[in-house]
């Protein structure tokens, strides 16, 4: 290869790199959330103002980390806050793998964990990596700057359903509710989370959850994995998106609305009120 050909290849490589960098910078500048099926449950990645919050886990160690990697660019892999629900022990394995690779700023365990060794391993891994870990019950508020915040709620008290938890993202006028526990958690969130108006999106984390009574424009839920499993009755939502294992859906956040890929949504037939009403 002549020096002129080599120089041309170098220039093209530089231009290609700049193009990828500009494209990545453009993607990085848009706030969004990604929802993925990490093993019969959903995990959510929220990207706001250059900061990343991950909510969820996986029973297979690598699934949560792979979801984060697919949902971000290489220079976005630092997770500023990892929210690990304590409703059951299996999702903690995925959170443990993410913590062990040292790309997490802080960990919030939502609820009271059980006595399984994985929680001890998670706490030890966080300590070894110099990562702050907190155990949250009740309701906590986290500011994301401007008119944007997270409300985290975990059941507490002797009569509470300890498997129920919820995270509410407020982004301007948009509300996204991320919850586990079916009807119990949607009833509880009315007391935990002062929600005004309709939820834009309801992310139903567990496949076994009951259909939500909380009305939402869009419901996202894991698709049943076994042939004998049947999805719940049509929810109080206008659209449903069911995600298979390994699938993810990216939603662009705007202060007044969400932008979703229409080809991933299924309209829900709404009941027709009786004549005369």
Protein backbone atom coordinates (compact mmCIF):
# COMPACT_ATOMS: atom_id res chain seq x y z
CA UNK A 1 0.00 0.00 0.00
CA UNK A 2 1.39 3.43 -1.00
CA UNK A 3 1.75 6.23 1.50
CA UNK A 4 -1.09 8.11 -0.21
CA UNK A 5 -3.43 5.10 0.22
CA UNK A 6 -2.35 4.72 3.83
CA UNK A 7 -2.99 8.42 4.47
CA UNK A 8 -6.45 8.15 2.88
CA UNK A 9 -7.34 5.16 5.04
CA UNK A 10 -6.18 7.06 8.14
CA UNK A 11 -8.25 10.13 7.23
CA UNK A 12 -11.35 7.98 6.62
CA UNK A 13 -10.83 6.23 9.95
CA UNK A 14 -10.58 9.58 11.74
CA UNK A 15 -13.73 10.87 10.04
CA UNK A 16 -15.59 7.67 10.90
CA UNK A 17 -14.49 7.99 14.52
CA UNK A 18 -15.67 11.59 14.64
CA UNK A 19 -19.00 10.58 13.13
CA UNK A 20 -19.50 7.85 15.73
CA UNK A 21 -18.49 10.28 18.47
CA UNK A 22 -20.96 12.93 17.27
CA UNK A 23 -23.71 10.31 16.99
CA UNK A 24 -22.92 9.04 20.48
CA UNK A 25 -22.88 12.57 21.87
CA UNK A 26 -26.30 13.16 20.31
CA UNK A 27 -27.68 9.98 21.88
CA UNK A 28 -26.10 10.82 25.22
CA UNK A 29 -27.76 14.25 25.23
CA UNK A 30 -31.29 12.76 25.04
CA UNK A 31 -32.88 11.59 28.27
CA UNK A 32 -34.40 8.15 28.02
CA UNK A 33 -35.26 4.96 29.81
CA UNK A 34 -34.69 1.41 28.62
CA UNK A 35 -36.73 -1.54 29.86
CA UNK A 36 -35.42 -5.07 29.35
CA UNK A 37 -36.42 -8.61 30.24
CA UNK A 38 -33.61 -9.97 32.40
CA UNK A 39 -35.09 -13.40 33.07
CA UNK A 40 -38.88 -13.46 33.58
CA UNK A 41 -38.64 -10.03 35.18
CA UNK A 42 -38.04 -6.52 33.89
CA UNK A 43 -35.13 -4.24 34.73
CA UNK A 44 -35.11 -0.53 33.96
CA UNK A 45 -32.26 1.83 33.09
CA UNK A 46 -32.97 5.54 33.43
CA UNK A 47 -30.60 7.98 31.74
CA UNK A 48 -31.20 11.62 32.76
CA UNK A 49 -28.80 14.54 32.39
CA UNK A 50 -25.83 12.22 31.83
CA UNK A 51 -26.55 10.16 34.96
CA UNK A 52 -27.63 6.54 35.00
CA UNK A 53 -29.97 4.81 37.45
CA UNK A 54 -30.59 1.05 37.13
CA UNK A 55 -33.54 -0.63 38.86
CA UNK A 56 -33.78 -4.41 38.97
CA UNK A 57 -31.61 -7.50 38.80
CA UNK A 58 -31.36 -10.96 37.29
CA UNK A 59 -31.14 -14.54 38.50
CA UNK A 60 -28.31 -15.22 36.04
CA UNK A 61 -25.23 -13.25 36.96
CA UNK A 62 -24.43 -11.73 33.58
CA UNK A 63 -27.93 -10.76 32.42
CA UNK A 64 -28.20 -7.42 34.23
CA UNK A 65 -24.70 -6.33 33.17
CA UNK A 66 -25.45 -7.32 29.57
CA UNK A 67 -28.68 -5.30 29.66
CA UNK A 68 -26.77 -2.24 30.92
CA UNK A 69 -24.12 -2.68 28.22
CA UNK A 70 -26.71 -2.99 25.44
CA UNK A 71 -28.55 0.10 26.68
CA UNK A 72 -25.52 2.41 26.90
CA UNK A 73 -22.45 3.46 24.96
CA UNK A 74 -19.03 2.34 26.25
CA UNK A 75 -18.34 5.64 28.03
CA UNK A 76 -21.79 5.56 29.73
CA UNK A 77 -21.26 2.29 31.62
CA UNK A 78 -20.91 3.91 35.04
CA UNK A 79 -24.11 3.35 37.03
CA UNK A 80 -24.53 6.25 39.43
CA UNK A 81 -27.24 4.46 41.44
CA UNK A 82 -28.21 0.77 41.41
CA UNK A 83 -31.58 0.05 43.03
CA UNK A 84 -31.86 -3.62 44.03
CA UNK A 85 -35.33 -4.77 45.15
CA UNK A 86 -35.24 -7.09 48.16
CA UNK A 87 -38.59 -8.72 47.33
CA UNK A 88 -36.83 -11.99 46.48
CA UNK A 89 -33.24 -13.20 46.45
CA UNK A 90 -32.66 -14.26 42.83
CA UNK A 91 -32.30 -10.78 41.25
CA UNK A 92 -29.48 -9.97 43.66
CA UNK A 93 -27.13 -12.24 41.67
CA UNK A 94 -27.23 -9.91 38.68
CA UNK A 95 -26.73 -6.89 40.92
CA UNK A 96 -23.74 -8.63 42.53
CA UNK A 97 -22.04 -9.13 39.15
CA UNK A 98 -22.58 -5.46 38.27
CA UNK A 99 -21.12 -4.32 41.60
CA UNK A 100 -18.13 -6.65 41.31
CA UNK A 101 -16.99 -5.08 38.05
CA UNK A 102 -16.65 -1.75 39.89
CA UNK A 103 -18.80 0.49 37.69
CA UNK A 104 -21.43 1.39 40.33
CA UNK A 105 -21.40 4.57 42.39
CA UNK A 106 -23.96 3.63 45.06
CA UNK A 107 -26.38 0.80 45.85
CA UNK A 108 -29.84 1.14 47.37
CA UNK A 109 -31.49 -2.09 48.55
CA UNK A 110 -35.23 -1.45 48.42
CA UNK A 111 -36.84 -3.28 51.31
CA UNK A 112 -35.52 -5.75 53.87
CA UNK A 113 -33.44 -8.57 52.33
CA UNK A 114 -33.66 -12.19 53.43
CA UNK A 115 -30.96 -14.33 54.97
CA UNK A 116 -29.59 -15.79 51.73
CA UNK A 117 -25.77 -15.59 51.37
CA UNK A 118 -26.07 -13.50 48.19
CA UNK A 119 -26.94 -10.42 50.24
CA UNK A 120 -23.82 -10.83 52.37
CA UNK A 121 -21.78 -11.26 49.19
CA UNK A 122 -23.35 -8.11 47.74
CA UNK A 123 -22.54 -6.09 50.85
CA UNK A 124 -18.97 -7.42 50.93
CA UNK A 125 -18.45 -6.71 47.21
CA UNK A 126 -19.73 -3.16 47.67
CA UNK A 127 -17.37 -2.61 50.62
CA UNK A 128 -14.40 -4.04 48.68
CA UNK A 129 -15.11 -1.71 45.75
CA UNK A 130 -15.63 1.32 48.03
CA UNK A 131 -19.30 1.55 46.98
CA UNK A 132 -21.85 3.01 49.37
CA UNK A 133 -24.76 0.65 50.12
CA UNK A 134 -27.97 1.65 51.89
CA UNK A 135 -31.08 -0.28 52.95
CA UNK A 136 -34.27 1.68 52.37
CA UNK A 137 -37.76 1.18 53.77
CA UNK A 138 -40.71 3.49 53.58
CA UNK A 139 -40.46 6.30 51.01
CA UNK A 140 -37.32 8.06 49.79
CA UNK A 141 -37.02 11.00 47.38
CA UNK A 142 -34.06 11.41 44.98
CA UNK A 143 -33.69 14.60 42.95
CA UNK A 144 -32.53 14.27 39.34
CA UNK A 145 -32.29 18.04 38.86
CA UNK A 146 -34.92 20.46 37.61
CA UNK A 147 -38.49 19.15 37.61
CA UNK A 148 -37.28 15.55 37.69
CA UNK A 149 -37.08 13.12 40.60
CA UNK A 150 -37.39 9.54 41.74
CA UNK A 151 -39.64 8.39 44.55
CA UNK A 152 -38.65 4.99 45.98
CA UNK A 153 -41.12 3.09 48.11
CA UNK A 154 -40.73 -0.22 49.94
CA UNK A 155 -43.29 -1.85 52.19
CA UNK A 156 -42.72 -1.52 55.91
CA UNK A 157 -44.61 -2.27 59.10
CA UNK A 158 -46.06 -5.47 60.57
CA UNK A 159 -49.07 -5.63 58.21
CA UNK A 160 -47.25 -4.71 55.00
CA UNK A 161 -46.76 -6.91 51.96
CA UNK A 162 -42.97 -7.12 52.16
CA UNK A 163 -42.73 -8.26 48.54
CA UNK A 164 -44.24 -5.02 47.25
CA UNK A 165 -42.18 -2.07 46.11
CA UNK A 166 -42.40 0.77 43.63
CA UNK A 167 -40.30 3.46 42.00
CA UNK A 168 -41.95 6.52 40.49
CA UNK A 169 -40.08 8.62 37.95
CA UNK A 170 -41.38 12.16 37.67
CA UNK A 171 -40.05 13.84 34.55
CA UNK A 172 -41.80 17.16 34.09
CA UNK A 173 -45.47 16.28 33.64
CA UNK A 174 -44.67 12.65 32.77
CA UNK A 175 -45.06 9.86 35.34
CA UNK A 176 -43.53 6.40 34.95
CA UNK A 177 -44.40 3.87 37.67
CA UNK A 178 -42.07 0.87 38.06
CA UNK A 179 -43.65 -1.62 40.44
CA UNK A 180 -43.79 -5.19 41.70
CA UNK A 181 -46.63 -6.80 43.59
CA UNK A 182 -49.72 -6.54 41.41
CA UNK A 183 -52.83 -5.05 42.96
CA UNK A 184 -51.24 -4.89 46.41
CA UNK A 185 -48.52 -2.52 45.29
CA UNK A 186 -50.82 -0.33 43.22
CA UNK A 187 -53.09 0.03 46.24
CA UNK A 188 -50.07 0.81 48.40
CA UNK A 189 -48.65 3.38 46.00
CA UNK A 190 -51.75 5.50 46.41
CA UNK A 191 -50.62 6.05 49.99
CA UNK A 192 -46.85 5.94 49.35
CA UNK A 193 -46.67 8.01 46.21
CA UNK A 194 -48.92 11.05 45.72
CA UNK A 195 -49.64 10.52 42.00
CA UNK A 196 -51.69 13.18 40.26
CA UNK A 197 -53.26 12.39 36.91
CA UNK A 198 -52.67 9.41 34.66
CA UNK A 199 -49.48 7.37 34.66
CA UNK A 200 -47.78 7.59 31.27
CA UNK A 201 -46.16 4.16 31.59
CA UNK A 202 -46.47 1.33 34.09
CA UNK A 203 -43.48 -1.04 34.14
CA UNK A 204 -44.74 -4.27 35.69
CA UNK A 205 -41.57 -6.00 36.85
CA UNK A 206 -42.72 -9.53 37.64
CA UNK A 207 -44.43 -11.94 35.27
CA UNK A 208 -46.61 -13.28 38.06
CA UNK A 209 -48.00 -9.89 39.08
CA UNK A 210 -51.72 -9.31 38.92
CA UNK A 211 -52.93 -6.84 36.34
CA UNK A 212 -52.53 -3.27 37.62
CA UNK A 213 -55.57 -1.30 38.73
CA UNK A 214 -53.47 1.84 38.28
CA UNK A 215 -54.56 3.32 34.96
CA UNK A 216 -51.67 3.94 32.54
CA UNK A 217 -51.25 4.93 28.92
CA UNK A 218 -48.75 2.09 28.35
CA UNK A 219 -48.11 -1.12 30.30
CA UNK A 220 -44.77 -2.90 29.90
CA UNK A 221 -44.53 -6.43 31.27
CA UNK A 222 -42.47 -9.61 30.75
CA UNK A 223 -43.93 -12.11 28.30
CA UNK A 224 -44.78 -15.47 29.95
CA UNK A 225 -41.90 -17.88 29.39
CA UNK A 226 -43.71 -21.21 29.55
CA UNK A 227 -46.42 -22.39 27.19
CA UNK A 228 -48.78 -23.03 30.08
CA UNK A 229 -48.48 -19.48 31.41
CA UNK A 230 -51.21 -17.08 30.41
CA UNK A 231 -50.95 -13.31 30.50
CA UNK A 232 -53.36 -11.49 32.80
CA UNK A 233 -56.61 -9.92 31.74
CA UNK A 234 -56.42 -6.76 29.62
CA UNK A 235 -55.21 -4.02 31.98
CA UNK A 236 -56.44 -0.50 32.48
CA UNK A 237 -54.04 0.71 29.78
CA UNK A 238 -54.36 1.83 26.18
CA UNK A 239 -51.29 -0.09 24.96
CA UNK A 240 -49.29 -3.12 26.14
CA UNK A 241 -45.72 -4.15 25.31
CA UNK A 242 -44.62 -7.66 26.33
CA UNK A 243 -40.88 -8.33 26.31
CA UNK A 244 -39.27 -11.72 25.79
CA UNK A 245 -36.13 -12.69 27.66
CA UNK A 246 -33.23 -10.63 26.33
CA UNK A 247 -35.49 -8.07 24.62
CA UNK A 248 -35.50 -4.40 25.55
CA UNK A 249 -37.49 -1.30 24.69
CA UNK A 250 -36.08 2.23 24.69
CA UNK A 251 -38.36 5.18 25.51
CA UNK A 252 -37.33 8.79 24.91
CA UNK A 253 -38.32 11.12 27.73
CA UNK A 254 -39.83 14.55 27.13
CA UNK A 255 -41.31 16.87 29.72
CA UNK A 256 -44.83 16.56 28.29
CA UNK A 257 -44.85 13.06 26.75
CA UNK A 258 -43.05 9.80 26.06
CA UNK A 259 -41.79 8.70 22.65
CA UNK A 260 -42.17 4.94 22.11
CA UNK A 261 -41.72 2.72 19.05
CA UNK A 262 -45.29 2.05 17.88
CA UNK A 263 -44.40 -1.29 16.31
CA UNK A 264 -43.62 -2.64 19.80
CA UNK A 265 -47.03 -1.74 21.24
CA UNK A 266 -50.30 -3.68 21.11
CA UNK A 267 -53.55 -1.69 21.47
CA UNK A 268 -55.83 -2.86 24.27
CA UNK A 269 -59.52 -3.11 23.45
CA UNK A 270 -61.42 -0.80 25.77
CA UNK A 271 -64.83 -1.77 27.11
CA UNK A 272 -67.71 0.17 25.59
CA UNK A 273 -70.03 1.82 28.12
CA UNK A 274 -73.71 0.81 27.90
CA UNK A 275 -75.98 2.95 25.73
CA UNK A 276 -77.48 5.94 27.43
CA UNK A 277 -74.48 6.58 29.66
